[in-house]
């Protein structure tokens, strides 16, 4: 049986579960992801939507056309991303997992948008 990855928000009001292995794990340097997470770079694991469940459903915000981002309506923790570009996927913030250790990023998305002082030594994807 493939592993399940569990996590949740800072206050514990929203829990999440991702069944099996992610399709990919990556850093993202785009401005939208930086603002969503409040960090200089975001880290995500992409799962097929049926693999992911939330209890209860988080609050979703339409951050740009065709994109929505999930967060806890109580504490504000960033949790997930869904977008028309990846219509079958839910992307989970690595920081929301209880144990992100086995989910090491394998590349960098939007590296051309990275903050100048953010140096990366592995190749962007």
PDB file of N, CA and C in Angstrom:
ATOM      1  N   UNK A   1       0.851  -1.175   0.000  1.00  0.00           N
ATOM      2  CA  UNK A   1       0.000   0.000   0.000  1.00  0.00           C
ATOM      3  C   UNK A   1       0.902   1.244   0.000  1.00  0.00           C
ATOM      4  N   UNK A   2       0.679   2.172  -0.931  1.00  0.00           N
ATOM      5  CA  UNK A   2       1.487   3.396  -0.973  1.00  0.00           C
ATOM      6  C   UNK A   2       1.269   4.238   0.286  1.00  0.00           C
ATOM      7  N   UNK A   3       2.269   5.011   0.654  1.00  0.00           N
ATOM      8  CA  UNK A   3       2.156   5.813   1.872  1.00  0.00           C
ATOM      9  C   UNK A   3       1.127   6.930   1.735  1.00  0.00           C
ATOM     10  N   UNK A   4       0.618   7.357   2.863  1.00  0.00           N
ATOM     11  CA  UNK A   4      -0.250   8.530   2.907  1.00  0.00           C
ATOM     12  C   UNK A   4       0.545   9.632   3.585  1.00  0.00           C
ATOM     13  N   UNK A   5       0.390  10.836   3.106  1.00  0.00           N
ATOM     14  CA  UNK A   5       1.055  12.003   3.679  1.00  0.00           C
ATOM     15  C   UNK A   5      -0.026  12.848   4.333  1.00  0.00           C
ATOM     16  N   UNK A   6       0.137  13.120   5.624  1.00  0.00           N
ATOM     17  CA  UNK A   6      -0.867  13.886   6.354  1.00  0.00           C
ATOM     18  C   UNK A   6      -0.292  15.206   6.808  1.00  0.00           C
ATOM     19  N   UNK A   7      -1.182  16.150   7.051  1.00  0.00           N
ATOM     20  CA  UNK A   7      -0.743  17.459   7.500  1.00  0.00           C
ATOM     21  C   UNK A   7      -1.920  18.315   7.880  1.00  0.00           C
ATOM     22  N   UNK A   8      -1.651  19.607   7.991  1.00  0.00           N
ATOM     23  CA  UNK A   8      -2.721  20.524   8.354  1.00  0.00           C
ATOM     24  C   UNK A   8      -2.197  21.917   8.598  1.00  0.00           C
ATOM     25  N   UNK A   9      -3.081  22.739   9.068  1.00  0.00           N
ATOM     26  CA  UNK A   9      -2.757  24.138   9.320  1.00  0.00           C
ATOM     27  C   UNK A   9      -2.121  24.319  10.703  1.00  0.00           C
ATOM     28  N   UNK A  10      -1.690  25.522  10.981  1.00  0.00           N
ATOM     29  CA  UNK A  10      -1.016  25.836  12.239  1.00  0.00           C
ATOM     30  C   UNK A  10      -1.903  25.620  13.459  1.00  0.00           C
ATOM     31  N   UNK A  11      -3.179  25.983  13.362  1.00  0.00           N
ATOM     32  CA  UNK A  11      -4.059  25.869  14.531  1.00  0.00           C
ATOM     33  C   UNK A  11      -4.725  24.501  14.653  1.00  0.00           C
ATOM     34  N   UNK A  12      -4.617  23.673  13.613  1.00  0.00           N
ATOM     35  CA  UNK A  12      -5.195  22.333  13.658  1.00  0.00           C
ATOM     36  C   UNK A  12      -6.645  22.254  13.228  1.00  0.00           C
ATOM     37  N   UNK A  13      -7.240  23.365  12.805  1.00  0.00           N
ATOM     38  CA  UNK A  13      -8.641  23.360  12.395  1.00  0.00           C
ATOM     39  C   UNK A  13      -8.865  22.611  11.083  1.00  0.00           C
ATOM     40  N   UNK A  14      -7.877  22.628  10.193  1.00  0.00           N
ATOM     41  CA  UNK A  14      -7.982  21.925   8.904  1.00  0.00           C
ATOM     42  C   UNK A  14      -6.885  20.872   8.838  1.00  0.00           C
ATOM     43  N   UNK A  15      -7.274  19.658   8.512  1.00  0.00           N
ATOM     44  CA  UNK A  15      -6.327  18.566   8.301  1.00  0.00           C
ATOM     45  C   UNK A  15      -6.400  18.159   6.838  1.00  0.00           C
ATOM     46  N   UNK A  16      -5.295  17.626   6.336  1.00  0.00           N
ATOM     47  CA  UNK A  16      -5.266  17.152   4.954  1.00  0.00           C
ATOM     48  C   UNK A  16      -4.619  15.788   4.902  1.00  0.00           C
ATOM     49  N   UNK A  17      -4.942  15.068   3.838  1.00  0.00           N
ATOM     50  CA  UNK A  17      -4.369  13.738   3.608  1.00  0.00           C
ATOM     51  C   UNK A  17      -4.155  13.585   2.113  1.00  0.00           C
ATOM     52  N   UNK A  18      -2.953  13.182   1.732  1.00  0.00           N
ATOM     53  CA  UNK A  18      -2.626  12.905   0.341  1.00  0.00           C
ATOM     54  C   UNK A  18      -2.209  11.437   0.258  1.00  0.00           C
ATOM     55  N   UNK A  19      -2.981  10.655  -0.465  1.00  0.00           N
ATOM     56  CA  UNK A  19      -2.735   9.219  -0.593  1.00  0.00           C
ATOM     57  C   UNK A  19      -1.678   8.954  -1.655  1.00  0.00           C
ATOM     58  N   UNK A  20      -0.736   8.076  -1.360  1.00  0.00           N
ATOM     59  CA  UNK A  20       0.255   7.657  -2.342  1.00  0.00           C
ATOM     60  C   UNK A  20       1.348   8.675  -2.575  1.00  0.00           C
ATOM     61  N   UNK A  21       2.066   8.457  -3.648  1.00  0.00           N
ATOM     62  CA  UNK A  21       3.196   9.324  -3.983  1.00  0.00           C
ATOM     63  C   UNK A  21       2.750  10.510  -4.831  1.00  0.00           C
ATOM     64  N   UNK A  22       3.399  11.650  -4.678  1.00  0.00           N
ATOM     65  CA  UNK A  22       3.077  12.790  -5.533  1.00  0.00           C
ATOM     66  C   UNK A  22       3.576  12.563  -6.957  1.00  0.00           C
ATOM     67  N   UNK A  23       2.967  13.283  -7.900  1.00  0.00           N
ATOM     68  CA  UNK A  23       3.429  13.238  -9.290  1.00  0.00           C
ATOM     69  C   UNK A  23       4.780  13.929  -9.410  1.00  0.00           C
ATOM     70  N   UNK A  24       4.981  14.955  -8.602  1.00  0.00           N
ATOM     71  CA  UNK A  24       6.212  15.754  -8.626  1.00  0.00           C
ATOM     72  C   UNK A  24       6.302  16.546  -7.328  1.00  0.00           C
ATOM     73  N   UNK A  25       7.505  17.013  -7.021  1.00  0.00           N
ATOM     74  CA  UNK A  25       7.755  17.899  -5.878  1.00  0.00           C
ATOM     75  C   UNK A  25       8.741  18.950  -6.377  1.00  0.00           C
ATOM     76  N   UNK A  26       8.433  20.228  -6.156  1.00  0.00           N
ATOM     77  CA  UNK A  26       9.269  21.291  -6.718  1.00  0.00           C
ATOM     78  C   UNK A  26       9.179  22.564  -5.896  1.00  0.00           C
ATOM     79  N   UNK A  27      10.212  23.368  -6.023  1.00  0.00           N
ATOM     80  CA  UNK A  27      10.166  24.739  -5.531  1.00  0.00           C
ATOM     81  C   UNK A  27       9.470  25.589  -6.588  1.00  0.00           C
ATOM     82  N   UNK A  28       8.814  26.659  -6.182  1.00  0.00           N
ATOM     83  CA  UNK A  28       8.270  27.627  -7.131  1.00  0.00           C
ATOM     84  C   UNK A  28       8.699  29.023  -6.682  1.00  0.00           C
ATOM     85  N   UNK A  29       9.223  29.781  -7.631  1.00  0.00           N
ATOM     86  CA  UNK A  29       9.746  31.113  -7.343  1.00  0.00           C
ATOM     87  C   UNK A  29       8.830  32.228  -7.813  1.00  0.00           C
ATOM     88  N   UNK A  30       7.634  31.918  -8.321  1.00  0.00           N
ATOM     89  CA  UNK A  30       6.773  32.982  -8.846  1.00  0.00           C
ATOM     90  C   UNK A  30       6.279  33.890  -7.723  1.00  0.00           C
ATOM     91  N   UNK A  31       5.980  35.116  -8.089  1.00  0.00           N
ATOM     92  CA  UNK A  31       5.547  36.104  -7.113  1.00  0.00           C
ATOM     93  C   UNK A  31       4.252  35.675  -6.420  1.00  0.00           C
ATOM     94  N   UNK A  32       3.328  35.073  -7.155  1.00  0.00           N
ATOM     95  CA  UNK A  32       2.060  34.654  -6.549  1.00  0.00           C
ATOM     96  C   UNK A  32       2.276  33.610  -5.459  1.00  0.00           C
ATOM     97  N   UNK A  33       3.140  32.635  -5.713  1.00  0.00           N
ATOM     98  CA  UNK A  33       3.415  31.619  -4.694  1.00  0.00           C
ATOM     99  C   UNK A  33       4.152  32.221  -3.502  1.00  0.00           C
ATOM    100  N   UNK A  34       5.061  33.144  -3.773  1.00  0.00           N
ATOM    101  CA  UNK A  34       5.761  33.806  -2.663  1.00  0.00           C
ATOM    102  C   UNK A  34       4.767  34.563  -1.789  1.00  0.00           C
ATOM    103  N   UNK A  35       3.839  35.268  -2.398  1.00  0.00           N
ATOM    104  CA  UNK A  35       2.852  36.009  -1.604  1.00  0.00           C
ATOM    105  C   UNK A  35       1.906  35.084  -0.863  1.00  0.00           C
ATOM    106  N   UNK A  36       1.518  33.993  -1.516  1.00  0.00           N
ATOM    107  CA  UNK A  36       0.602  33.034  -0.882  1.00  0.00           C
ATOM    108  C   UNK A  36       1.230  32.422   0.366  1.00  0.00           C
ATOM    109  N   UNK A  37       2.515  32.117   0.299  1.00  0.00           N
ATOM    110  CA  UNK A  37       3.170  31.446   1.425  1.00  0.00           C
ATOM    111  C   UNK A  37       3.882  32.405   2.375  1.00  0.00           C
ATOM    112  N   UNK A  38       4.130  33.639   1.919  1.00  0.00           N
ATOM    113  CA  UNK A  38       4.871  34.579   2.762  1.00  0.00           C
ATOM    114  C   UNK A  38       6.340  34.223   2.870  1.00  0.00           C
ATOM    115  N   UNK A  39       6.852  33.481   1.907  1.00  0.00           N
ATOM    116  CA  UNK A  39       8.241  33.019   1.931  1.00  0.00           C
ATOM    117  C   UNK A  39       8.956  33.428   0.639  1.00  0.00           C
ATOM    118  N   UNK A  40      10.288  33.491   0.642  1.00  0.00           N
ATOM    119  CA  UNK A  40      11.014  33.878  -0.565  1.00  0.00           C
ATOM    120  C   UNK A  40      10.958  32.834  -1.673  1.00  0.00           C
ATOM    121  N   UNK A  41      10.586  31.607  -1.332  1.00  0.00           N
ATOM    122  CA  UNK A  41      10.365  30.546  -2.318  1.00  0.00           C
ATOM    123  C   UNK A  41       9.337  29.591  -1.705  1.00  0.00           C
ATOM    124  N   UNK A  42       8.440  29.081  -2.546  1.00  0.00           N
ATOM    125  CA  UNK A  42       7.441  28.118  -2.078  1.00  0.00           C
ATOM    126  C   UNK A  42       7.895  26.719  -2.486  1.00  0.00           C
ATOM    127  N   UNK A  43       7.441  25.720  -1.762  1.00  0.00           N
ATOM    128  CA  UNK A  43       7.727  24.325  -2.100  1.00  0.00           C
ATOM    129  C   UNK A  43       6.405  23.566  -2.119  1.00  0.00           C
ATOM    130  N   UNK A  44       6.190  22.793  -3.192  1.00  0.00           N
ATOM    131  CA  UNK A  44       4.912  22.146  -3.442  1.00  0.00           C
ATOM    132  C   UNK A  44       5.085  20.674  -3.792  1.00  0.00           C
ATOM    133  N   UNK A  45       4.069  19.880  -3.478  1.00  0.00           N
ATOM    134  CA  UNK A  45       3.956  18.504  -3.955  1.00  0.00           C
ATOM    135  C   UNK A  45       2.663  18.416  -4.742  1.00  0.00           C
ATOM    136  N   UNK A  46       2.752  17.940  -5.978  1.00  0.00           N
ATOM    137  CA  UNK A  46       1.584  17.836  -6.845  1.00  0.00           C
ATOM    138  C   UNK A  46       0.991  16.436  -6.824  1.00  0.00           C
ATOM    139  N   UNK A  47      -0.283  16.348  -6.455  1.00  0.00           N
ATOM    140  CA  UNK A  47      -1.017  15.085  -6.398  1.00  0.00           C
ATOM    141  C   UNK A  47      -2.229  15.164  -7.322  1.00  0.00           C
ATOM    142  N   UNK A  48      -2.680  14.024  -7.824  1.00  0.00           N
ATOM    143  CA  UNK A  48      -3.946  13.983  -8.537  1.00  0.00           C
ATOM    144  C   UNK A  48      -5.048  14.325  -7.528  1.00  0.00           C
ATOM    145  N   UNK A  49      -6.045  15.088  -7.959  1.00  0.00           N
ATOM    146  CA  UNK A  49      -7.086  15.559  -7.033  1.00  0.00           C
ATOM    147  C   UNK A  49      -7.748  14.458  -6.208  1.00  0.00           C
ATOM    148  N   UNK A  50      -8.063  13.290  -6.802  1.00  0.00           N
ATOM    149  CA  UNK A  50      -8.692  12.243  -5.970  1.00  0.00           C
ATOM    150  C   UNK A  50      -7.798  11.725  -4.841  1.00  0.00           C
ATOM    151  N   UNK A  51      -6.494  11.972  -4.906  1.00  0.00           N
ATOM    152  CA  UNK A  51      -5.578  11.529  -3.854  1.00  0.00           C
ATOM    153  C   UNK A  51      -5.662  12.419  -2.621  1.00  0.00           C
ATOM    154  N   UNK A  52      -6.235  13.623  -2.745  1.00  0.00           N
ATOM    155  CA  UNK A  52      -6.174  14.623  -1.681  1.00  0.00           C
ATOM    156  C   UNK A  52      -7.544  14.830  -1.043  1.00  0.00           C
ATOM    157  N   UNK A  53      -7.551  14.871   0.290  1.00  0.00           N
ATOM    158  CA  UNK A  53      -8.781  15.199   1.015  1.00  0.00           C
ATOM    159  C   UNK A  53      -8.457  16.180   2.145  1.00  0.00           C
ATOM    160  N   UNK A  54      -9.436  17.011   2.453  1.00  0.00           N
ATOM    161  CA  UNK A  54      -9.332  17.992   3.537  1.00  0.00           C
ATOM    162  C   UNK A  54     -10.476  17.762   4.510  1.00  0.00           C
ATOM    163  N   UNK A  55     -10.203  17.973   5.810  1.00  0.00           N
ATOM    164  CA  UNK A  55     -11.238  17.869   6.837  1.00  0.00           C
ATOM    165  C   UNK A  55     -11.084  19.012   7.815  1.00  0.00           C
ATOM    166  N   UNK A  56     -12.009  19.955   7.868  1.00  0.00           N
ATOM    167  CA  UNK A  56     -13.043  20.223   6.873  1.00  0.00           C
ATOM    168  C   UNK A  56     -12.408  20.873   5.640  1.00  0.00           C
ATOM    169  N   UNK A  57     -13.233  21.197   4.663  1.00  0.00           N
ATOM    170  CA  UNK A  57     -12.757  21.877   3.452  1.00  0.00           C
ATOM    171  C   UNK A  57     -12.149  23.225   3.855  1.00  0.00           C
ATOM    172  N   UNK A  58     -10.970  23.555   3.338  1.00  0.00           N
ATOM    173  CA  UNK A  58     -10.367  24.855   3.659  1.00  0.00           C
ATOM    174  C   UNK A  58     -11.101  25.988   2.936  1.00  0.00           C
ATOM    175  N   UNK A  59     -10.703  27.195   3.224  1.00  0.00           N
ATOM    176  CA  UNK A  59     -11.212  28.359   2.509  1.00  0.00           C
ATOM    177  C   UNK A  59     -10.414  28.495   1.224  1.00  0.00           C
ATOM    178  N   UNK A  60     -11.097  28.747   0.120  1.00  0.00           N
ATOM    179  CA  UNK A  60     -10.438  28.909  -1.176  1.00  0.00           C
ATOM    180  C   UNK A  60     -10.544  30.360  -1.618  1.00  0.00           C
ATOM    181  N   UNK A  61      -9.473  30.865  -2.200  1.00  0.00           N
ATOM    182  CA  UNK A  61      -9.398  32.245  -2.691  1.00  0.00           C
ATOM    183  C   UNK A  61      -9.012  32.216  -4.162  1.00  0.00           C
ATOM    184  N   UNK A  62      -9.778  32.883  -5.029  1.00  0.00           N
ATOM    185  CA  UNK A  62      -9.441  32.986  -6.451  1.00  0.00           C
ATOM    186  C   UNK A  62      -8.363  34.054  -6.582  1.00  0.00           C
ATOM    187  N   UNK A  63      -7.105  33.618  -6.662  1.00  0.00           N
ATOM    188  CA  UNK A  63      -5.984  34.557  -6.625  1.00  0.00           C
ATOM    189  C   UNK A  63      -5.680  35.194  -7.975  1.00  0.00           C
ATOM    190  N   UNK A  64      -6.079  34.560  -9.051  1.00  0.00           N
ATOM    191  CA  UNK A  64      -5.918  35.096 -10.403  1.00  0.00           C
ATOM    192  C   UNK A  64      -6.828  34.280 -11.312  1.00  0.00           C
ATOM    193  N   UNK A  65      -7.048  34.701 -12.547  1.00  0.00           N
ATOM    194  CA  UNK A  65      -7.949  33.940 -13.422  1.00  0.00           C
ATOM    195  C   UNK A  65      -7.515  32.481 -13.560  1.00  0.00           C
ATOM    196  N   UNK A  66      -8.425  31.562 -13.267  1.00  0.00           N
ATOM    197  CA  UNK A  66      -8.147  30.142 -13.387  1.00  0.00           C
ATOM    198  C   UNK A  66      -7.335  29.532 -12.273  1.00  0.00           C
ATOM    199  N   UNK A  67      -7.083  30.292 -11.209  1.00  0.00           N
ATOM    200  CA  UNK A  67      -6.261  29.803 -10.092  1.00  0.00           C
ATOM    201  C   UNK A  67      -6.988  30.047  -8.776  1.00  0.00           C
ATOM    202  N   UNK A  68      -6.955  29.040  -7.921  1.00  0.00           N
ATOM    203  CA  UNK A  68      -7.468  29.229  -6.562  1.00  0.00           C
ATOM    204  C   UNK A  68      -6.491  28.615  -5.584  1.00  0.00           C
ATOM    205  N   UNK A  69      -6.404  29.249  -4.424  1.00  0.00           N
ATOM    206  CA  UNK A  69      -5.457  28.848  -3.387  1.00  0.00           C
ATOM    207  C   UNK A  69      -6.219  28.632  -2.086  1.00  0.00           C
ATOM    208  N   UNK A  70      -5.828  27.575  -1.373  1.00  0.00           N
ATOM    209  CA  UNK A  70      -6.515  27.207  -0.140  1.00  0.00           C
ATOM    210  C   UNK A  70      -5.714  27.639   1.076  1.00  0.00           C
ATOM    211  N   UNK A  71      -6.459  28.013   2.109  1.00  0.00           N
ATOM    212  CA  UNK A  71      -5.852  28.383   3.383  1.00  0.00           C
ATOM    213  C   UNK A  71      -6.840  28.094   4.496  1.00  0.00           C
ATOM    214  N   UNK A  72      -6.355  28.075   5.709  1.00  0.00           N
ATOM    215  CA  UNK A  72      -7.235  27.913   6.866  1.00  0.00           C
ATOM    216  C   UNK A  72      -7.920  29.235   7.140  1.00  0.00           C
ATOM    217  N   UNK A  73      -9.237  29.224   7.210  1.00  0.00           N
ATOM    218  CA  UNK A  73      -9.991  30.440   7.483  1.00  0.00           C
ATOM    219  C   UNK A  73      -9.846  30.925   8.911  1.00  0.00           C
ATOM    220  N   UNK A  74      -9.287  30.109   9.773  1.00  0.00           N
ATOM    221  CA  UNK A  74      -9.099  30.486  11.183  1.00  0.00           C
ATOM    222  C   UNK A  74      -7.714  31.076  11.437  1.00  0.00           C
ATOM    223  N   UNK A  75      -6.654  30.354  11.023  1.00  0.00           N
ATOM    224  CA  UNK A  75      -5.291  30.823  11.326  1.00  0.00           C
ATOM    225  C   UNK A  75      -4.562  31.395  10.110  1.00  0.00           C
ATOM    226  N   UNK A  76      -5.098  31.169   8.900  1.00  0.00           N
ATOM    227  CA  UNK A  76      -4.503  31.725   7.692  1.00  0.00           C
ATOM    228  C   UNK A  76      -3.396  30.906   7.062  1.00  0.00           C
ATOM    229  N   UNK A  77      -3.097  29.732   7.594  1.00  0.00           N
ATOM    230  CA  UNK A  77      -2.027  28.912   7.026  1.00  0.00           C
ATOM    231  C   UNK A  77      -2.286  28.580   5.560  1.00  0.00           C
ATOM    232  N   UNK A  78      -1.252  28.711   4.739  1.00  0.00           N
ATOM    233  CA  UNK A  78      -1.333  28.323   3.330  1.00  0.00           C
ATOM    234  C   UNK A  78      -1.358  26.808   3.235  1.00  0.00           C
ATOM    235  N   UNK A  79      -2.240  26.277   2.381  1.00  0.00           N
ATOM    236  CA  UNK A  79      -2.386  24.828   2.290  1.00  0.00           C
ATOM    237  C   UNK A  79      -2.261  24.265   0.882  1.00  0.00           C
ATOM    238  N   UNK A  80      -2.921  24.872  -0.111  1.00  0.00           N
ATOM    239  CA  UNK A  80      -2.984  24.212  -1.414  1.00  0.00           C
ATOM    240  C   UNK A  80      -3.201  25.196  -2.555  1.00  0.00           C
ATOM    241  N   UNK A  81      -3.048  24.659  -3.760  1.00  0.00           N
ATOM    242  CA  UNK A  81      -3.201  25.397  -5.013  1.00  0.00           C
ATOM    243  C   UNK A  81      -3.912  24.496  -6.004  1.00  0.00           C
ATOM    244  N   UNK A  82      -4.828  25.058  -6.778  1.00  0.00           N
ATOM    245  CA  UNK A  82      -5.431  24.381  -7.925  1.00  0.00           C
ATOM    246  C   UNK A  82      -5.495  25.383  -9.060  1.00  0.00           C
ATOM    247  N   UNK A  83      -5.179  24.940 -10.277  1.00  0.00           N
ATOM    248  CA  UNK A  83      -5.200  25.852 -11.408  1.00  0.00           C
ATOM    249  C   UNK A  83      -5.607  25.157 -12.694  1.00  0.00           C
ATOM    250  N   UNK A  84      -6.166  25.935 -13.614  1.00  0.00           N
ATOM    251  CA  UNK A  84      -6.603  25.395 -14.902  1.00  0.00           C
ATOM    252  C   UNK A  84      -5.453  24.781 -15.697  1.00  0.00           C
ATOM    253  N   UNK A  85      -4.238  25.257 -15.475  1.00  0.00           N
ATOM    254  CA  UNK A  85      -3.085  24.713 -16.201  1.00  0.00           C
ATOM    255  C   UNK A  85      -2.835  23.244 -15.837  1.00  0.00           C
ATOM    256  N   UNK A  86      -3.213  22.855 -14.613  1.00  0.00           N
ATOM    257  CA  UNK A  86      -3.088  21.480 -14.125  1.00  0.00           C
ATOM    258  C   UNK A  86      -4.464  21.048 -13.609  1.00  0.00           C
ATOM    259  N   UNK A  87      -5.438  20.826 -14.508  1.00  0.00           N
ATOM    260  CA  UNK A  87      -6.830  20.648 -14.084  1.00  0.00           C
ATOM    261  C   UNK A  87      -7.114  19.410 -13.258  1.00  0.00           C
ATOM    262  N   UNK A  88      -6.236  18.433 -13.267  1.00  0.00           N
ATOM    263  CA  UNK A  88      -6.482  17.203 -12.502  1.00  0.00           C
ATOM    264  C   UNK A  88      -5.698  17.157 -11.202  1.00  0.00           C
ATOM    265  N   UNK A  89      -4.936  18.210 -10.902  1.00  0.00           N
ATOM    266  CA  UNK A  89      -4.030  18.169  -9.757  1.00  0.00           C
ATOM    267  C   UNK A  89      -4.421  19.136  -8.634  1.00  0.00           C
ATOM    268  N   UNK A  90      -4.018  18.772  -7.425  1.00  0.00           N
ATOM    269  CA  UNK A  90      -4.000  19.668  -6.272  1.00  0.00           C
ATOM    270  C   UNK A  90      -2.561  19.715  -5.795  1.00  0.00           C
ATOM    271  N   UNK A  91      -2.042  20.905  -5.620  1.00  0.00           N
ATOM    272  CA  UNK A  91      -0.667  21.089  -5.151  1.00  0.00           C
ATOM    273  C   UNK A  91      -0.735  21.455  -3.675  1.00  0.00           C
ATOM    274  N   UNK A  92       0.009  20.742  -2.866  1.00  0.00           N
ATOM    275  CA  UNK A  92       0.007  20.943  -1.415  1.00  0.00           C
ATOM    276  C   UNK A  92       1.316  21.605  -0.994  1.00  0.00           C
ATOM    277  N   UNK A  93       1.218  22.626  -0.154  1.00  0.00           N
ATOM    278  CA  UNK A  93       2.403  23.291   0.401  1.00  0.00           C
ATOM    279  C   UNK A  93       3.180  22.276   1.247  1.00  0.00           C
ATOM    280  N   UNK A  94       4.457  22.120   0.962  1.00  0.00           N
ATOM    281  CA  UNK A  94       5.246  21.144   1.726  1.00  0.00           C
ATOM    282  C   UNK A  94       5.242  21.464   3.215  1.00  0.00           C
ATOM    283  N   UNK A  95       5.229  22.743   3.566  1.00  0.00           N
ATOM    284  CA  UNK A  95       5.235  23.130   4.969  1.00  0.00           C
ATOM    285  C   UNK A  95       3.985  22.726   5.724  1.00  0.00           C
ATOM    286  N   UNK A  96       2.925  22.350   5.014  1.00  0.00           N
ATOM    287  CA  UNK A  96       1.687  21.925   5.669  1.00  0.00           C
ATOM    288  C   UNK A  96       1.716  20.453   6.077  1.00  0.00           C
ATOM    289  N   UNK A  97       2.671  19.677   5.561  1.00  0.00           N
ATOM    290  CA  UNK A  97       2.741  18.255   5.912  1.00  0.00           C
ATOM    291  C   UNK A  97       3.347  18.066   7.297  1.00  0.00           C
ATOM    292  N   UNK A  98       2.831  17.080   8.027  1.00  0.00           N
ATOM    293  CA  UNK A  98       3.387  16.748   9.338  1.00  0.00           C
ATOM    294  C   UNK A  98       4.840  16.302   9.205  1.00  0.00           C
ATOM    295  N   UNK A  99       5.141  15.557   8.149  1.00  0.00           N
ATOM    296  CA  UNK A  99       6.500  15.064   7.911  1.00  0.00           C
ATOM    297  C   UNK A  99       6.865  15.312   6.445  1.00  0.00           C
ATOM    298  N   UNK A 100       7.397  16.491   6.126  1.00  0.00           N
ATOM    299  CA  UNK A 100       7.772  16.768   4.740  1.00  0.00           C
ATOM    300  C   UNK A 100       9.105  16.138   4.332  1.00  0.00           C
ATOM    301  N   UNK A 101       9.812  15.537   5.264  1.00  0.00           N
ATOM    302  CA  UNK A 101      11.153  14.985   4.994  1.00  0.00           C
ATOM    303  C   UNK A 101      11.217  14.092   3.753  1.00  0.00           C
ATOM    304  N   UNK A 102      10.278  13.164   3.539  1.00  0.00           N
ATOM    305  CA  UNK A 102      10.391  12.297   2.364  1.00  0.00           C
ATOM    306  C   UNK A 102       9.996  12.962   1.043  1.00  0.00           C
ATOM    307  N   UNK A 103       9.570  14.207   1.096  1.00  0.00           N
ATOM    308  CA  UNK A 103       9.088  14.908  -0.098  1.00  0.00           C
ATOM    309  C   UNK A 103      10.094  15.953  -0.571  1.00  0.00           C
ATOM    310  N   UNK A 104      11.273  15.526  -0.917  1.00  0.00           N
ATOM    311  CA  UNK A 104      12.334  16.440  -1.340  1.00  0.00           C
ATOM    312  C   UNK A 104      12.054  16.992  -2.739  1.00  0.00           C
ATOM    313  N   UNK A 105      12.117  18.316  -2.920  1.00  0.00           N
ATOM    314  CA  UNK A 105      11.909  18.902  -4.247  1.00  0.00           C
ATOM    315  C   UNK A 105      12.948  18.402  -5.246  1.00  0.00           C
ATOM    316  N   UNK A 106      12.474  18.190  -6.468  1.00  0.00           N
ATOM    317  CA  UNK A 106      13.342  17.706  -7.519  1.00  0.00           C
ATOM    318  C   UNK A 106      13.690  18.755  -8.553  1.00  0.00           C
ATOM    319  N   UNK A 107      13.263  20.008  -8.333  1.00  0.00           N
ATOM    320  CA  UNK A 107      13.561  21.054  -9.303  1.00  0.00           C
ATOM    321  C   UNK A 107      12.980  22.391  -8.886  1.00  0.00           C
ATOM    322  N   UNK A 108      13.040  23.333  -9.806  1.00  0.00           N
ATOM    323  CA  UNK A 108      12.601  24.700  -9.567  1.00  0.00           C
ATOM    324  C   UNK A 108      11.693  25.153 -10.699  1.00  0.00           C
ATOM    325  N   UNK A 109      10.509  25.634 -10.361  1.00  0.00           N
ATOM    326  CA  UNK A 109       9.599  26.218 -11.339  1.00  0.00           C
ATOM    327  C   UNK A 109       9.713  27.740 -11.258  1.00  0.00           C
ATOM    328  N   UNK A 110       9.533  28.394 -12.377  1.00  0.00           N
ATOM    329  CA  UNK A 110       9.567  29.860 -12.455  1.00  0.00           C
ATOM    330  C   UNK A 110      10.861  30.440 -11.891  1.00  0.00           C
ATOM    331  N   UNK A 111      11.967  29.753 -12.133  1.00  0.00           N
ATOM    332  CA  UNK A 111      13.262  30.204 -11.612  1.00  0.00           C
ATOM    333  C   UNK A 111      13.640  31.589 -12.136  1.00  0.00           C
ATOM    334  N   UNK A 112      13.096  31.961 -13.288  1.00  0.00           N
ATOM    335  CA  UNK A 112      13.380  33.293 -13.836  1.00  0.00           C
ATOM    336  C   UNK A 112      12.750  34.398 -12.994  1.00  0.00           C
ATOM    337  N   UNK A 113      11.803  34.057 -12.114  1.00  0.00           N
ATOM    338  CA  UNK A 113      11.167  35.034 -11.230  1.00  0.00           C
ATOM    339  C   UNK A 113      11.779  35.045  -9.825  1.00  0.00           C
ATOM    340  N   UNK A 114      12.809  34.249  -9.614  1.00  0.00           N
ATOM    341  CA  UNK A 114      13.357  34.154  -8.261  1.00  0.00           C
ATOM    342  C   UNK A 114      13.931  35.505  -7.808  1.00  0.00           C
ATOM    343  N   UNK A 115      13.948  35.689  -6.523  1.00  0.00           N
ATOM    344  CA  UNK A 115      14.552  36.869  -5.928  1.00  0.00           C
ATOM    345  C   UNK A 115      16.057  36.800  -6.193  1.00  0.00           C
ATOM    346  N   UNK A 116      16.662  37.911  -6.547  1.00  0.00           N
ATOM    347  CA  UNK A 116      18.063  37.930  -6.981  1.00  0.00           C
ATOM    348  C   UNK A 116      19.017  37.305  -5.965  1.00  0.00           C
ATOM    349  N   UNK A 117      18.753  37.480  -4.679  1.00  0.00           N
ATOM    350  CA  UNK A 117      19.666  36.927  -3.681  1.00  0.00           C
ATOM    351  C   UNK A 117      19.397  35.451  -3.380  1.00  0.00           C
ATOM    352  N   UNK A 118      18.361  34.873  -4.012  1.00  0.00           N
ATOM    353  CA  UNK A 118      18.056  33.458  -3.827  1.00  0.00           C
ATOM    354  C   UNK A 118      18.862  32.675  -4.854  1.00  0.00           C
ATOM    355  N   UNK A 119      19.974  32.109  -4.415  1.00  0.00           N
ATOM    356  CA  UNK A 119      20.850  31.363  -5.312  1.00  0.00           C
ATOM    357  C   UNK A 119      20.471  29.901  -5.317  1.00  0.00           C
ATOM    358  N   UNK A 120      20.391  29.331  -6.523  1.00  0.00           N
ATOM    359  CA  UNK A 120      20.092  27.917  -6.645  1.00  0.00           C
ATOM    360  C   UNK A 120      21.244  27.260  -7.388  1.00  0.00           C
ATOM    361  N   UNK A 121      21.622  26.083  -6.909  1.00  0.00           N
ATOM    362  CA  UNK A 121      22.745  25.394  -7.532  1.00  0.00           C
ATOM    363  C   UNK A 121      22.305  24.219  -8.389  1.00  0.00           C
ATOM    364  N   UNK A 122      21.091  23.702  -8.149  1.00  0.00           N
ATOM    365  CA  UNK A 122      20.603  22.623  -8.998  1.00  0.00           C
ATOM    366  C   UNK A 122      19.845  23.210 -10.174  1.00  0.00           C
ATOM    367  N   UNK A 123      19.715  22.485 -11.273  1.00  0.00           N
ATOM    368  CA  UNK A 123      19.101  23.057 -12.478  1.00  0.00           C
ATOM    369  C   UNK A 123      17.598  23.297 -12.314  1.00  0.00           C
ATOM    370  N   UNK A 124      17.092  24.421 -12.839  1.00  0.00           N
ATOM    371  CA  UNK A 124      15.644  24.677 -12.831  1.00  0.00           C
ATOM    372  C   UNK A 124      14.930  23.681 -13.749  1.00  0.00           C
ATOM    373  N   UNK A 125      13.644  23.484 -13.498  1.00  0.00           N
ATOM    374  CA  UNK A 125      12.854  22.599 -14.373  1.00  0.00           C
ATOM    375  C   UNK A 125      11.924  23.436 -15.226  1.00  0.00           C
TER     376      UNK A 125
END
